[in-house]
Amino acid sequence: MQSTTVSTRDTAQARTRFRRPEWLPRNPGSWLQLLLLSVMAVFTLMPFVWVVSTSLRTPAQSFTVPPEWIPVDMDFSNYTRVFDEIPFWNQILNSFAITISVVCGQLLTASLAGYAFARLRFRGRNVLFWIVLATLMIPGQATIIPVFILISRVFGLSDTLWALIIPGISTAFGTFLLRQYFLQIPNDFEEAAMIDGANQWQIFRKIYLPLASPGLAILAVLTFNAKWNDYFTPLIFMNTKERFPITLGIVDLQGYMATGSISVVLAGIVLSTIPVIIIYMFGQRYLIEGLMMGGLKG
């Protein structure tokens, strides 16, 4: 009897000791999915890991074959050269000012337009919405010349931060995205609020806007990423180095490539990607939640 008890106790301890972690899948199909996702993650992260690794190499190590993923002699002076060659902090602040202004502008205009197309009844609503939606088919390169003429000759804002902010505060994609979220909200909320005496502005601000917060989070993250990494538009409008966003500032580092080293350029790229990574780290939960809600209810 005692030996049976000891054997049972040893078996329970062994099971506890070798308990499968909760994150490990149970069936073979899930193992295959985990393997495929791991391979995709490796191939996705490999270029960025190479960029970080090369930014810490000396000029002689920049193009070694096979590459040294962990440099033996890390050269952190590449990062200090970035601050010496370009007005880095000034250009980072310019990028923040442009990006945050565009994000706030798009959240305001897209939420108002999306609510109007989703909940308000007026003549020509559907036709106007399809016209707005059709602008998504027009590439930005096709409209850059008319926008440049308006900004530079009509408004006189060329080579200013406003030249990068004003054209980006309205978006057809954001209007479409938030319209879809507003359409998912039941009409019962609006009817109950109207019975209580609320007007359309109060209904929008106190009911629909909070319920559409996942869509707002998606739009904010996507807009931040797109505007922060925008290179083409600043290249057209900006001439003064002190007013450059960081995407144009990195171009000034290309002189180091003539010496056979790209480490300084890649160091600037690593520094410029840090804000985007931080935004994704803090906004990941809201982004996934918004995408899941849109996929389940759409």
C-alpha atoms as a PDB file:
ATOM      1  CA  MET A   1       0.000   0.000   0.000  1.00  0.00           C
ATOM      2  CA  GLN A   2       2.805   2.372   0.894  1.00  0.00           C
ATOM      3  CA  SER A   3       4.726   1.565  -2.306  1.00  0.00           C
ATOM      4  CA  THR A   4       1.618   2.292  -4.366  1.00  0.00           C
ATOM      5  CA  THR A   5       1.247   5.662  -2.662  1.00  0.00           C
ATOM      6  CA  VAL A   6       4.914   6.495  -3.282  1.00  0.00           C
ATOM      7  CA  SER A   7       4.626   5.439  -6.931  1.00  0.00           C
ATOM      8  CA  THR A   8       1.545   7.599  -7.430  1.00  0.00           C
ATOM      9  CA  ARG A   9       3.270  10.529  -5.783  1.00  0.00           C
ATOM     10  CA  ASP A  10       6.356  10.110  -8.004  1.00  0.00           C
ATOM     11  CA  THR A  11       4.167   9.963 -11.103  1.00  0.00           C
ATOM     12  CA  ALA A  12       2.351  13.149 -10.098  1.00  0.00           C
ATOM     13  CA  GLN A  13       5.666  14.888  -9.427  1.00  0.00           C
ATOM     14  CA  ALA A  14       7.017  13.749 -12.791  1.00  0.00           C
ATOM     15  CA  ARG A  15       3.931  15.076 -14.569  1.00  0.00           C
ATOM     16  CA  THR A  16       4.295  18.365 -12.738  1.00  0.00           C
ATOM     17  CA  ARG A  17       7.996  18.540 -13.571  1.00  0.00           C
ATOM     18  CA  PHE A  18       7.490  17.842 -17.285  1.00  0.00           C
ATOM     19  CA  ARG A  19       4.222  19.717 -17.706  1.00  0.00           C
ATOM     20  CA  ARG A  20       3.792  21.099 -21.206  1.00  0.00           C
ATOM     21  CA  PRO A  21       3.930  24.896 -21.387  1.00  0.00           C
ATOM     22  CA  GLU A  22       0.568  26.463 -22.136  1.00  0.00           C
ATOM     23  CA  TRP A  23       1.840  28.234 -25.253  1.00  0.00           C
ATOM     24  CA  LEU A  24       2.883  24.960 -26.916  1.00  0.00           C
ATOM     25  CA  PRO A  25       0.232  23.489 -29.251  1.00  0.00           C
ATOM     26  CA  ARG A  26      -1.241  20.039 -28.663  1.00  0.00           C
ATOM     27  CA  ASN A  27      -2.069  18.661 -32.100  1.00  0.00           C
ATOM     28  CA  PRO A  28       0.283  18.215 -35.112  1.00  0.00           C
ATOM     29  CA  GLY A  29      -1.622  20.760 -37.201  1.00  0.00           C
ATOM     30  CA  SER A  30      -0.934  23.462 -34.642  1.00  0.00           C
ATOM     31  CA  TRP A  31       2.731  22.471 -34.558  1.00  0.00           C
ATOM     32  CA  LEU A  32       2.884  22.967 -38.329  1.00  0.00           C
ATOM     33  CA  GLN A  33       1.292  26.402 -37.984  1.00  0.00           C
ATOM     34  CA  LEU A  34       3.791  27.328 -35.265  1.00  0.00           C
ATOM     35  CA  LEU A  35       6.665  26.176 -37.478  1.00  0.00           C
ATOM     36  CA  LEU A  36       5.453  28.178 -40.480  1.00  0.00           C
ATOM     37  CA  LEU A  37       4.898  31.295 -38.364  1.00  0.00           C
ATOM     38  CA  SER A  38       8.368  30.929 -36.854  1.00  0.00           C
ATOM     39  CA  VAL A  39       9.948  30.687 -40.317  1.00  0.00           C
ATOM     40  CA  MET A  40       7.988  33.742 -41.475  1.00  0.00           C
ATOM     41  CA  ALA A  41       9.056  35.656 -38.359  1.00  0.00           C
ATOM     42  CA  VAL A  42      12.722  34.824 -38.990  1.00  0.00           C
ATOM     43  CA  PHE A  43      12.580  36.006 -42.607  1.00  0.00           C
ATOM     44  CA  THR A  44      10.669  39.140 -41.571  1.00  0.00           C
ATOM     45  CA  LEU A  45      13.078  40.115 -38.798  1.00  0.00           C
ATOM     46  CA  MET A  46      16.283  39.146 -40.598  1.00  0.00           C
ATOM     47  CA  PRO A  47      16.621  42.393 -42.635  1.00  0.00           C
ATOM     48  CA  PHE A  48      16.116  44.581 -39.559  1.00  0.00           C
ATOM     49  CA  VAL A  49      18.572  42.489 -37.535  1.00  0.00           C
ATOM     50  CA  TRP A  50      21.082  42.901 -40.363  1.00  0.00           C
ATOM     51  CA  VAL A  51      20.522  46.683 -40.339  1.00  0.00           C
ATOM     52  CA  VAL A  52      21.136  46.892 -36.575  1.00  0.00           C
ATOM     53  CA  SER A  53      24.170  44.618 -36.832  1.00  0.00           C
ATOM     54  CA  THR A  54      25.719  46.541 -39.733  1.00  0.00           C
ATOM     55  CA  SER A  55      25.155  49.867 -37.966  1.00  0.00           C
ATOM     56  CA  LEU A  56      27.566  48.662 -35.271  1.00  0.00           C
ATOM     57  CA  ARG A  57      30.325  47.560 -37.656  1.00  0.00           C
ATOM     58  CA  THR A  58      33.490  49.314 -38.714  1.00  0.00           C
ATOM     59  CA  PRO A  59      33.915  50.283 -42.402  1.00  0.00           C
ATOM     60  CA  ALA A  60      36.103  47.218 -42.955  1.00  0.00           C
ATOM     61  CA  GLN A  61      33.365  44.939 -41.607  1.00  0.00           C
ATOM     62  CA  SER A  62      30.464  46.478 -43.530  1.00  0.00           C
ATOM     63  CA  PHE A  63      30.497  44.069 -46.467  1.00  0.00           C
ATOM     64  CA  THR A  64      32.183  40.993 -45.041  1.00  0.00           C
ATOM     65  CA  VAL A  65      30.994  37.652 -46.436  1.00  0.00           C
ATOM     66  CA  PRO A  66      29.573  35.805 -44.615  1.00  0.00           C
ATOM     67  CA  PRO A  67      28.235  38.699 -42.528  1.00  0.00           C
ATOM     68  CA  GLU A  68      29.028  38.934 -38.840  1.00  0.00           C
ATOM     69  CA  TRP A  69      25.627  39.061 -37.185  1.00  0.00           C
ATOM     70  CA  ILE A  70      27.258  39.983 -33.878  1.00  0.00           C
ATOM     71  CA  PRO A  71      30.251  42.254 -34.612  1.00  0.00           C
ATOM     72  CA  VAL A  72      33.391  41.463 -32.659  1.00  0.00           C
ATOM     73  CA  ASP A  73      34.400  45.131 -32.373  1.00  0.00           C
ATOM     74  CA  MET A  74      31.218  47.171 -32.088  1.00  0.00           C
ATOM     75  CA  ASP A  75      31.633  50.708 -33.391  1.00  0.00           C
ATOM     76  CA  PHE A  76      29.140  52.931 -31.563  1.00  0.00           C
ATOM     77  CA  SER A  77      30.751  56.007 -33.083  1.00  0.00           C
ATOM     78  CA  ASN A  78      28.510  55.485 -36.117  1.00  0.00           C
ATOM     79  CA  TYR A  79      25.606  56.752 -34.025  1.00  0.00           C
ATOM     80  CA  THR A  80      27.481  59.826 -32.823  1.00  0.00           C
ATOM     81  CA  ARG A  81      28.375  60.682 -36.415  1.00  0.00           C
ATOM     82  CA  VAL A  82      24.670  60.835 -37.230  1.00  0.00           C
ATOM     83  CA  PHE A  83      24.262  63.696 -34.750  1.00  0.00           C
ATOM     84  CA  ASP A  84      27.389  65.406 -36.092  1.00  0.00           C
ATOM     85  CA  GLU A  85      26.408  65.271 -39.767  1.00  0.00           C
ATOM     86  CA  ILE A  86      22.746  66.300 -39.663  1.00  0.00           C
ATOM     87  CA  PRO A  87      20.546  68.363 -37.275  1.00  0.00           C
ATOM     88  CA  PHE A  88      19.064  65.100 -36.037  1.00  0.00           C
ATOM     89  CA  TRP A  89      17.015  66.348 -33.092  1.00  0.00           C
ATOM     90  CA  ASN A  90      15.587  69.213 -35.115  1.00  0.00           C
ATOM     91  CA  GLN A  91      14.562  66.863 -37.910  1.00  0.00           C
ATOM     92  CA  ILE A  92      13.075  64.380 -35.451  1.00  0.00           C
ATOM     93  CA  LEU A  93      10.978  67.174 -33.932  1.00  0.00           C
ATOM     94  CA  ASN A  94       9.882  68.188 -37.435  1.00  0.00           C
ATOM     95  CA  SER A  95       8.787  64.623 -38.130  1.00  0.00           C
ATOM     96  CA  PHE A  96       6.878  64.480 -34.844  1.00  0.00           C
ATOM     97  CA  ALA A  97       5.159  67.814 -35.522  1.00  0.00           C
ATOM     98  CA  ILE A  98       4.136  66.765 -39.029  1.00  0.00           C
ATOM     99  CA  THR A  99       3.059  63.245 -38.109  1.00  0.00           C
ATOM    100  CA  ILE A 100       1.081  64.102 -34.972  1.00  0.00           C
ATOM    101  CA  SER A 101      -0.675  66.981 -36.740  1.00  0.00           C
ATOM    102  CA  VAL A 102      -1.667  64.729 -39.645  1.00  0.00           C
ATOM    103  CA  VAL A 103      -2.840  61.956 -37.302  1.00  0.00           C
ATOM    104  CA  CYS A 104      -5.026  64.361 -35.303  1.00  0.00           C
ATOM    105  CA  GLY A 105      -6.356  65.941 -38.490  1.00  0.00           C
ATOM    106  CA  GLN A 106      -7.239  62.604 -40.035  1.00  0.00           C
ATOM    107  CA  LEU A 107      -8.947  61.368 -36.873  1.00  0.00           C
ATOM    108  CA  LEU A 108     -11.072  64.522 -36.819  1.00  0.00           C
ATOM    109  CA  THR A 109     -12.014  64.702 -40.500  1.00  0.00           C
ATOM    110  CA  ALA A 110     -12.397  60.957 -41.030  1.00  0.00           C
ATOM    111  CA  SER A 111     -14.588  60.482 -37.951  1.00  0.00           C
ATOM    112  CA  LEU A 112     -16.879  63.367 -38.892  1.00  0.00           C
ATOM    113  CA  ALA A 113     -17.138  62.313 -42.538  1.00  0.00           C
ATOM    114  CA  GLY A 114     -17.519  58.644 -41.648  1.00  0.00           C
ATOM    115  CA  TYR A 115     -20.327  59.419 -39.219  1.00  0.00           C
ATOM    116  CA  ALA A 116     -22.092  61.593 -41.793  1.00  0.00           C
ATOM    117  CA  PHE A 117     -21.945  58.881 -44.459  1.00  0.00           C
ATOM    118  CA  ALA A 118     -23.013  56.177 -42.007  1.00  0.00           C
ATOM    119  CA  ARG A 119     -25.778  57.827 -39.956  1.00  0.00           C
ATOM    120  CA  LEU A 120     -27.000  61.049 -41.527  1.00  0.00           C
ATOM    121  CA  ARG A 121     -29.609  61.052 -44.279  1.00  0.00           C
ATOM    122  CA  PHE A 122     -29.141  63.591 -47.063  1.00  0.00           C
ATOM    123  CA  ARG A 123     -29.636  63.702 -50.811  1.00  0.00           C
ATOM    124  CA  GLY A 124     -26.773  62.299 -52.855  1.00  0.00           C
ATOM    125  CA  ARG A 125     -25.116  60.644 -49.874  1.00  0.00           C
ATOM    126  CA  ASN A 126     -24.292  57.374 -51.630  1.00  0.00           C
ATOM    127  CA  VAL A 127     -23.112  59.086 -54.822  1.00  0.00           C
ATOM    128  CA  LEU A 128     -20.841  61.399 -52.843  1.00  0.00           C
ATOM    129  CA  PHE A 129     -19.469  58.476 -50.854  1.00  0.00           C
ATOM    130  CA  TRP A 130     -18.612  56.547 -54.018  1.00  0.00           C
ATOM    131  CA  ILE A 131     -16.861  59.622 -55.399  1.00  0.00           C
ATOM    132  CA  VAL A 132     -14.793  59.874 -52.218  1.00  0.00           C
ATOM    133  CA  LEU A 133     -14.069  56.151 -52.384  1.00  0.00           C
ATOM    134  CA  ALA A 134     -13.012  56.418 -56.035  1.00  0.00           C
ATOM    135  CA  THR A 135     -10.161  58.733 -55.063  1.00  0.00           C
ATOM    136  CA  LEU A 136      -8.453  55.703 -53.521  1.00  0.00           C
ATOM    137  CA  MET A 137      -7.823  54.487 -57.068  1.00  0.00           C
ATOM    138  CA  ILE A 138      -5.797  57.605 -57.930  1.00  0.00           C
ATOM    139  CA  PRO A 139      -2.094  57.309 -57.002  1.00  0.00           C
ATOM    140  CA  GLY A 140      -0.536  60.138 -55.054  1.00  0.00           C
ATOM    141  CA  GLN A 141       2.055  60.710 -57.764  1.00  0.00           C
ATOM    142  CA  ALA A 142      -0.743  61.711 -60.159  1.00  0.00           C
ATOM    143  CA  THR A 143      -1.999  64.504 -57.892  1.00  0.00           C
ATOM    144  CA  ILE A 144       1.293  65.781 -56.512  1.00  0.00           C
ATOM    145  CA  ILE A 145       1.723  68.486 -59.194  1.00  0.00           C
ATOM    146  CA  PRO A 146      -1.734  70.098 -58.668  1.00  0.00           C
ATOM    147  CA  VAL A 147      -1.209  69.927 -54.904  1.00  0.00           C
ATOM    148  CA  PHE A 148       2.237  71.506 -55.260  1.00  0.00           C
ATOM    149  CA  ILE A 149       0.804  74.371 -57.336  1.00  0.00           C
ATOM    150  CA  LEU A 150      -1.932  74.990 -54.755  1.00  0.00           C
ATOM    151  CA  ILE A 151       0.443  74.870 -51.800  1.00  0.00           C
ATOM    152  CA  SER A 152       3.270  76.923 -53.319  1.00  0.00           C
ATOM    153  CA  ARG A 153       1.565  79.451 -55.598  1.00  0.00           C
ATOM    154  CA  VAL A 154      -1.917  79.863 -54.146  1.00  0.00           C
ATOM    155  CA  PHE A 155      -1.211  79.540 -50.414  1.00  0.00           C
ATOM    156  CA  GLY A 156       2.512  80.350 -50.443  1.00  0.00           C
ATOM    157  CA  LEU A 157       3.360  77.564 -48.000  1.00  0.00           C
ATOM    158  CA  SER A 158       6.128  75.836 -49.922  1.00  0.00           C
ATOM    159  CA  ASP A 159       9.156  74.820 -47.837  1.00  0.00           C
ATOM    160  CA  THR A 160       7.133  74.959 -44.611  1.00  0.00           C
ATOM    161  CA  LEU A 161       5.818  72.226 -42.354  1.00  0.00           C
ATOM    162  CA  TRP A 162       2.282  73.248 -43.299  1.00  0.00           C
ATOM    163  CA  ALA A 163       2.989  72.087 -46.845  1.00  0.00           C
ATOM    164  CA  LEU A 164       3.274  68.545 -45.475  1.00  0.00           C
ATOM    165  CA  ILE A 165       0.430  68.807 -42.954  1.00  0.00           C
ATOM    166  CA  ILE A 166      -2.463  70.356 -44.873  1.00  0.00           C
ATOM    167  CA  PRO A 167      -2.616  67.869 -47.798  1.00  0.00           C
ATOM    168  CA  GLY A 168      -2.598  64.939 -45.388  1.00  0.00           C
ATOM    169  CA  ILE A 169      -5.336  65.842 -42.902  1.00  0.00           C
ATOM    170  CA  SER A 170      -8.135  64.331 -45.010  1.00  0.00           C
ATOM    171  CA  THR A 171      -8.179  60.767 -46.251  1.00  0.00           C
ATOM    172  CA  ALA A 172     -10.668  58.659 -48.180  1.00  0.00           C
ATOM    173  CA  PHE A 173      -9.363  55.488 -46.556  1.00  0.00           C
ATOM    174  CA  GLY A 174      -9.944  56.811 -43.043  1.00  0.00           C
ATOM    175  CA  THR A 175     -13.448  57.943 -43.991  1.00  0.00           C
ATOM    176  CA  PHE A 176     -14.254  54.494 -45.372  1.00  0.00           C
ATOM    177  CA  LEU A 177     -12.737  52.701 -42.366  1.00  0.00           C
ATOM    178  CA  LEU A 178     -14.635  54.675 -39.725  1.00  0.00           C
ATOM    179  CA  ARG A 179     -17.854  54.596 -41.747  1.00  0.00           C
ATOM    180  CA  GLN A 180     -17.719  50.798 -41.559  1.00  0.00           C
ATOM    181  CA  TYR A 181     -17.280  50.935 -37.782  1.00  0.00           C
ATOM    182  CA  PHE A 182     -20.153  53.384 -37.358  1.00  0.00           C
ATOM    183  CA  LEU A 183     -22.406  51.139 -39.459  1.00  0.00           C
ATOM    184  CA  GLN A 184     -21.747  48.231 -37.080  1.00  0.00           C
ATOM    185  CA  ILE A 185     -23.168  50.133 -34.093  1.00  0.00           C
ATOM    186  CA  PRO A 186     -26.873  49.300 -33.526  1.00  0.00           C
ATOM    187  CA  ASN A 187     -29.442  52.020 -34.160  1.00  0.00           C
ATOM    188  CA  ASP A 188     -30.900  51.446 -30.695  1.00  0.00           C
ATOM    189  CA  PHE A 189     -28.193  53.624 -29.137  1.00  0.00           C
ATOM    190  CA  GLU A 190     -29.060  56.549 -31.387  1.00  0.00           C
ATOM    191  CA  GLU A 191     -32.802  56.175 -30.857  1.00  0.00           C
ATOM    192  CA  ALA A 192     -32.424  55.999 -27.067  1.00  0.00           C
ATOM    193  CA  ALA A 193     -30.218  59.097 -27.062  1.00  0.00           C
ATOM    194  CA  MET A 194     -32.682  61.037 -29.218  1.00  0.00           C
ATOM    195  CA  ILE A 195     -35.506  60.130 -26.832  1.00  0.00           C
ATOM    196  CA  ASP A 196     -33.398  61.573 -24.004  1.00  0.00           C
ATOM    197  CA  GLY A 197     -33.082  64.822 -25.966  1.00  0.00           C
ATOM    198  CA  ALA A 198     -29.552  64.470 -27.345  1.00  0.00           C
ATOM    199  CA  ASN A 199     -28.671  66.175 -30.621  1.00  0.00           C
ATOM    200  CA  GLN A 200     -26.539  64.723 -33.414  1.00  0.00           C
ATOM    201  CA  TRP A 201     -23.308  66.217 -32.089  1.00  0.00           C
ATOM    202  CA  GLN A 202     -23.882  64.760 -28.624  1.00  0.00           C
ATOM    203  CA  ILE A 203     -24.774  61.378 -30.101  1.00  0.00           C
ATOM    204  CA  PHE A 204     -21.605  61.407 -32.182  1.00  0.00           C
ATOM    205  CA  ARG A 205     -19.303  62.584 -29.401  1.00  0.00           C
ATOM    206  CA  LYS A 206     -20.660  60.609 -26.448  1.00  0.00           C
ATOM    207  CA  ILE A 207     -21.881  57.384 -28.077  1.00  0.00           C
ATOM    208  CA  TYR A 208     -20.505  56.642 -31.512  1.00  0.00           C
ATOM    209  CA  LEU A 209     -16.999  58.003 -31.097  1.00  0.00           C
ATOM    210  CA  PRO A 210     -16.174  55.933 -27.965  1.00  0.00           C
ATOM    211  CA  LEU A 211     -17.676  52.787 -29.497  1.00  0.00           C
ATOM    212  CA  ALA A 212     -15.539  53.249 -32.617  1.00  0.00           C
ATOM    213  CA  SER A 213     -12.301  53.617 -30.630  1.00  0.00           C
ATOM    214  CA  PRO A 214     -10.765  50.411 -32.129  1.00  0.00           C
ATOM    215  CA  GLY A 215     -11.193  51.881 -35.605  1.00  0.00           C
ATOM    216  CA  LEU A 216      -9.686  55.163 -34.437  1.00  0.00           C
ATOM    217  CA  ALA A 217      -6.698  53.259 -33.038  1.00  0.00           C
ATOM    218  CA  ILE A 218      -6.155  51.441 -36.333  1.00  0.00           C
ATOM    219  CA  LEU A 219      -6.328  54.680 -38.295  1.00  0.00           C
ATOM    220  CA  ALA A 220      -3.953  56.445 -35.894  1.00  0.00           C
ATOM    221  CA  VAL A 221      -1.297  53.713 -36.034  1.00  0.00           C
ATOM    222  CA  LEU A 222      -1.456  53.285 -39.813  1.00  0.00           C
ATOM    223  CA  THR A 223      -1.388  57.043 -40.406  1.00  0.00           C
ATOM    224  CA  PHE A 224       1.540  57.534 -38.032  1.00  0.00           C
ATOM    225  CA  ASN A 225       3.537  54.828 -39.783  1.00  0.00           C
ATOM    226  CA  ALA A 226       2.749  56.110 -43.282  1.00  0.00           C
ATOM    227  CA  LYS A 227       3.462  59.779 -42.553  1.00  0.00           C
ATOM    228  CA  TRP A 228       6.579  59.143 -40.495  1.00  0.00           C
ATOM    229  CA  ASN A 229       8.112  57.118 -43.330  1.00  0.00           C
ATOM    230  CA  ASP A 230       6.942  59.452 -46.107  1.00  0.00           C
ATOM    231  CA  TYR A 231       9.846  60.421 -48.349  1.00  0.00           C
ATOM    232  CA  PHE A 232       8.287  61.440 -51.660  1.00  0.00           C
ATOM    233  CA  THR A 233       6.148  64.353 -50.437  1.00  0.00           C
ATOM    234  CA  PRO A 234       8.891  66.119 -48.408  1.00  0.00           C
ATOM    235  CA  LEU A 235      11.248  65.678 -51.353  1.00  0.00           C
ATOM    236  CA  ILE A 236       8.873  67.753 -53.501  1.00  0.00           C
ATOM    237  CA  PHE A 237       7.998  70.505 -51.016  1.00  0.00           C
ATOM    238  CA  MET A 238      11.040  71.005 -48.774  1.00  0.00           C
ATOM    239  CA  ASN A 239      14.338  72.781 -49.537  1.00  0.00           C
ATOM    240  CA  THR A 240      15.729  73.949 -46.184  1.00  0.00           C
ATOM    241  CA  LYS A 241      17.712  71.332 -44.269  1.00  0.00           C
ATOM    242  CA  GLU A 242      16.567  72.631 -40.857  1.00  0.00           C
ATOM    243  CA  ARG A 243      12.949  71.982 -41.881  1.00  0.00           C
ATOM    244  CA  PHE A 244      13.551  68.496 -43.245  1.00  0.00           C
ATOM    245  CA  PRO A 245      11.802  65.523 -41.655  1.00  0.00           C
ATOM    246  CA  ILE A 246      14.093  62.695 -40.653  1.00  0.00           C
ATOM    247  CA  THR A 247      13.421  60.754 -43.879  1.00  0.00           C
ATOM    248  CA  LEU A 248      15.154  63.485 -45.888  1.00  0.00           C
ATOM    249  CA  GLY A 249      17.825  63.956 -43.242  1.00  0.00           C
ATOM    250  CA  ILE A 250      19.028  60.383 -43.647  1.00  0.00           C
ATOM    251  CA  VAL A 251      19.698  61.086 -47.327  1.00  0.00           C
ATOM    252  CA  ASP A 252      22.403  63.560 -46.278  1.00  0.00           C
ATOM    253  CA  LEU A 253      24.279  60.657 -44.694  1.00  0.00           C
ATOM    254  CA  GLN A 254      24.777  58.932 -48.027  1.00  0.00           C
ATOM    255  CA  GLY A 255      28.134  60.663 -48.423  1.00  0.00           C
ATOM    256  CA  TYR A 256      29.551  57.982 -46.138  1.00  0.00           C
ATOM    257  CA  MET A 257      28.658  55.339 -48.726  1.00  0.00           C
ATOM    258  CA  ALA A 258      31.359  56.790 -51.002  1.00  0.00           C
ATOM    259  CA  THR A 259      33.947  55.709 -48.423  1.00  0.00           C
ATOM    260  CA  GLY A 260      32.771  52.102 -48.652  1.00  0.00           C
ATOM    261  CA  SER A 261      30.815  52.142 -45.384  1.00  0.00           C
ATOM    262  CA  ILE A 262      27.069  52.166 -44.962  1.00  0.00           C
ATOM    263  CA  SER A 263      27.175  51.827 -41.187  1.00  0.00           C
ATOM    264  CA  VAL A 264      26.479  55.516 -40.521  1.00  0.00           C
ATOM    265  CA  VAL A 265      23.492  55.521 -42.876  1.00  0.00           C
ATOM    266  CA  LEU A 266      22.075  52.411 -41.225  1.00  0.00           C
ATOM    267  CA  ALA A 267      22.667  53.927 -37.783  1.00  0.00           C
ATOM    268  CA  GLY A 268      20.479  56.852 -38.827  1.00  0.00           C
ATOM    269  CA  ILE A 269      17.833  54.436 -40.082  1.00  0.00           C
ATOM    270  CA  VAL A 270      17.843  52.554 -36.768  1.00  0.00           C
ATOM    271  CA  LEU A 271      17.410  55.795 -34.817  1.00  0.00           C
ATOM    272  CA  SER A 272      14.574  56.917 -37.087  1.00  0.00           C
ATOM    273  CA  THR A 273      12.657  53.650 -36.647  1.00  0.00           C
ATOM    274  CA  ILE A 274      12.629  53.770 -32.841  1.00  0.00           C
ATOM    275  CA  PRO A 275       9.488  56.000 -32.589  1.00  0.00           C
ATOM    276  CA  VAL A 276       7.570  53.716 -34.967  1.00  0.00           C
ATOM    277  CA  ILE A 277       8.543  50.641 -32.953  1.00  0.00           C
ATOM    278  CA  ILE A 278       7.433  52.327 -29.724  1.00  0.00           C
ATOM    279  CA  ILE A 279       4.084  53.291 -31.266  1.00  0.00           C
ATOM    280  CA  TYR A 280       3.488  49.717 -32.398  1.00  0.00           C
ATOM    281  CA  MET A 281       4.481  48.326 -29.007  1.00  0.00           C
ATOM    282  CA  PHE A 282       1.948  50.495 -27.184  1.00  0.00           C
ATOM    283  CA  GLY A 283      -0.731  50.322 -29.888  1.00  0.00           C
ATOM    284  CA  GLN A 284      -0.455  46.635 -30.714  1.00  0.00           C
ATOM    285  CA  ARG A 285      -3.281  45.569 -28.408  1.00  0.00           C
ATOM    286  CA  TYR A 286      -5.668  48.179 -29.789  1.00  0.00           C
ATOM    287  CA  LEU A 287      -4.599  47.425 -33.352  1.00  0.00           C
ATOM    288  CA  ILE A 288      -5.252  43.690 -33.043  1.00  0.00           C
ATOM    289  CA  GLU A 289      -8.518  44.314 -31.205  1.00  0.00           C
ATOM    290  CA  GLY A 290      -9.701  46.678 -33.914  1.00  0.00           C
ATOM    291  CA  LEU A 291      -8.746  44.311 -36.729  1.00  0.00           C
ATOM    292  CA  MET A 292     -10.518  41.403 -35.029  1.00  0.00           C
ATOM    293  CA  MET A 293     -13.675  43.446 -34.441  1.00  0.00           C
ATOM    294  CA  GLY A 294     -13.660  44.615 -38.037  1.00  0.00           C
ATOM    295  CA  GLY A 295     -13.156  41.076 -39.306  1.00  0.00           C
ATOM    296  CA  LEU A 296     -15.811  39.501 -37.100  1.00  0.00           C
ATOM    297  CA  LYS A 297     -18.512  42.126 -37.556  1.00  0.00           C
ATOM    298  CA  GLY A 298     -17.745  43.226 -41.105  1.00  0.00           C
END
